[in-house]
Amino acid sequence: QVQLVESGGGLVQAGGSLRLSCAASGSIFSANAMRWYRQAPGKQRELVAAIISGSITTYANSVKGRFTISRDNTKNTVYLQMNNLKSEDTAVYYCNYLQSMREYWGQGTQVTVSS
C-alpha cells in the first residue's frame, strides 16, 4: 500500500515562490514516475510536471521555466519548486504515483497566489 502526503502549500503574492513536498510511504520504485497535478476551481485536473528515475522530467507549457520538479529517492520524496508564481497558478496541487496499474493520490495542498 502506497500513501502520499503533500505539504508546503500556502498563500503567496504574485512573483513569489513556494516549494511543495510529497512524501511517499510504502513500496516505492524509484524507476516509476511521480507526478504533480493541479486542479483550479471549476476546471479539470491537469498535469503540471513529472519525473522519472530522478532525471527525466516533463512540464506543462504553462509552467516551463518557472517550476522545477525533483526527487530524493533516499527519502521517497518528490518536490515542486515554484517560482515567479502567477494568479493562474492558484489551485489544489496533488501528488500522483502509478504502480502495478494502480494509481495513488495524495490529499492535495492548496496554493493561492494573490495578485
Protein backbone atom coordinates (compact mmCIF):
# COMPACT_ATOMS: atom_id res chain seq x y z
CA GLN A 1 0.00 0.00 0.00
CA VAL A 2 1.34 3.41 -1.01
CA GLN A 3 0.46 6.63 0.77
CA LEU A 4 1.28 10.12 -0.46
CA VAL A 5 1.28 13.20 1.76
CA GLU A 6 1.71 16.67 0.28
CA SER A 7 2.84 19.75 2.15
CA GLY A 8 4.17 23.22 1.50
CA GLY A 9 1.16 24.98 0.08
CA GLY A 10 0.00 28.38 1.22
CA LEU A 11 -0.77 31.96 0.30
CA VAL A 12 1.83 33.89 -1.66
CA GLN A 13 1.92 37.11 -3.63
CA ALA A 14 2.35 37.07 -7.38
CA GLY A 15 6.02 36.76 -8.24
CA GLY A 16 6.74 34.80 -5.10
CA SER A 17 7.89 31.23 -4.60
CA LEU A 18 6.74 28.08 -2.85
CA ARG A 19 8.19 24.62 -2.55
CA LEU A 20 5.82 21.69 -2.39
CA SER A 21 6.81 18.31 -1.00
CA CYS A 22 5.24 14.91 -1.45
CA ALA A 23 6.36 12.21 0.94
CA ALA A 24 5.61 8.66 -0.13
CA SER A 25 5.41 5.66 2.14
CA GLY A 26 5.12 2.00 1.23
CA SER A 27 6.77 0.16 -1.62
CA ILE A 28 8.04 2.86 -3.94
CA PHE A 29 10.06 2.07 -7.05
CA SER A 30 12.46 4.84 -7.95
CA ALA A 31 12.13 3.94 -11.64
CA ASN A 32 8.41 4.75 -11.61
CA ALA A 33 7.27 8.23 -12.47
CA MET A 34 5.96 10.62 -9.87
CA ARG A 35 3.75 13.48 -10.97
CA TRP A 36 2.28 16.73 -9.76
CA TYR A 37 -1.21 17.65 -10.87
CA ARG A 38 -3.31 20.66 -10.02
CA GLN A 39 -6.98 21.49 -10.08
CA ALA A 40 -8.33 25.00 -10.04
CA PRO A 41 -11.96 25.73 -9.10
CA GLY A 42 -14.30 24.84 -11.94
CA LYS A 43 -11.50 23.33 -14.02
CA GLN A 44 -10.29 19.85 -14.79
CA ARG A 45 -7.28 18.41 -13.06
CA GLU A 46 -4.18 18.97 -15.18
CA LEU A 47 -0.68 17.54 -15.22
CA VAL A 48 1.90 20.07 -14.07
CA ALA A 49 5.15 18.10 -14.01
CA ALA A 50 6.51 14.57 -13.93
CA ILE A 51 9.82 12.98 -13.05
CA ILE A 52 11.19 9.51 -13.82
CA SER A 53 14.20 7.99 -12.10
CA GLY A 54 15.26 11.37 -10.79
CA SER A 55 16.49 12.72 -14.09
CA ILE A 56 13.87 12.66 -16.83
CA THR A 57 11.38 15.47 -16.38
CA THR A 58 8.47 16.94 -18.26
CA TYR A 59 6.42 20.08 -17.67
CA ALA A 60 3.21 21.67 -18.76
CA ASN A 61 3.87 24.56 -21.13
CA SER A 62 2.27 26.96 -18.68
CA VAL A 63 4.91 26.29 -16.01
CA LYS A 64 8.06 25.71 -18.06
CA GLY A 65 10.90 27.89 -16.88
CA ARG A 66 9.15 28.66 -13.59
CA PHE A 67 8.61 25.27 -11.92
CA THR A 68 11.18 22.58 -11.21
CA ILE A 69 10.37 19.03 -10.19
CA SER A 70 12.96 17.00 -8.32
CA ARG A 71 13.13 13.77 -6.40
CA ASP A 72 15.05 12.37 -3.47
CA ASN A 73 14.80 8.60 -3.75
CA THR A 74 16.53 8.10 -0.40
CA LYS A 75 13.61 9.91 1.24
CA ASN A 76 10.89 8.76 -1.17
CA THR A 77 10.03 12.41 -1.61
CA VAL A 78 9.28 14.47 -4.68
CA TYR A 79 9.42 18.27 -4.71
CA LEU A 80 7.95 21.00 -6.83
CA GLN A 81 9.82 24.30 -6.66
CA MET A 82 7.51 27.02 -7.94
CA ASN A 83 8.98 30.41 -8.78
CA ASN A 84 7.50 33.56 -10.26
CA LEU A 85 4.03 32.42 -9.27
CA LYS A 86 1.05 33.85 -11.06
CA SER A 87 -2.60 34.14 -10.07
CA GLU A 88 -3.44 31.44 -12.58
CA ASP A 89 -1.29 29.01 -10.60
CA THR A 90 -3.89 29.09 -7.83
CA ALA A 91 -5.15 25.53 -7.39
CA VAL A 92 -5.03 22.46 -5.22
CA TYR A 93 -1.86 20.56 -6.04
CA TYR A 94 -1.83 16.77 -5.91
CA CYS A 95 0.94 14.24 -5.94
CA ASN A 96 0.41 11.15 -8.09
CA TYR A 97 2.13 7.78 -8.37
CA LEU A 98 1.35 4.81 -10.59
CA GLN A 99 2.44 1.29 -9.74
CA SER A 100 1.22 -2.10 -10.95
CA MET A 101 -1.59 -0.39 -12.84
CA ARG A 102 -2.86 1.22 -9.63
CA GLU A 103 -2.94 4.95 -9.23
CA TYR A 104 -2.28 6.67 -5.92
CA TRP A 105 -3.13 10.26 -4.99
CA GLY A 106 -2.32 12.46 -2.06
CA GLN A 107 -4.89 14.58 -0.29
CA GLY A 108 -3.73 17.76 -2.00
CA THR A 109 -2.26 21.04 -0.81
CA GLN A 110 -3.79 24.43 -1.56
CA VAL A 111 -1.72 27.07 -3.34
CA THR A 112 -3.21 30.54 -3.53
CA VAL A 113 -1.47 33.33 -5.41
CA SER A 114 -2.70 36.83 -4.78
CA SER A 115 -2.26 39.49 -7.44
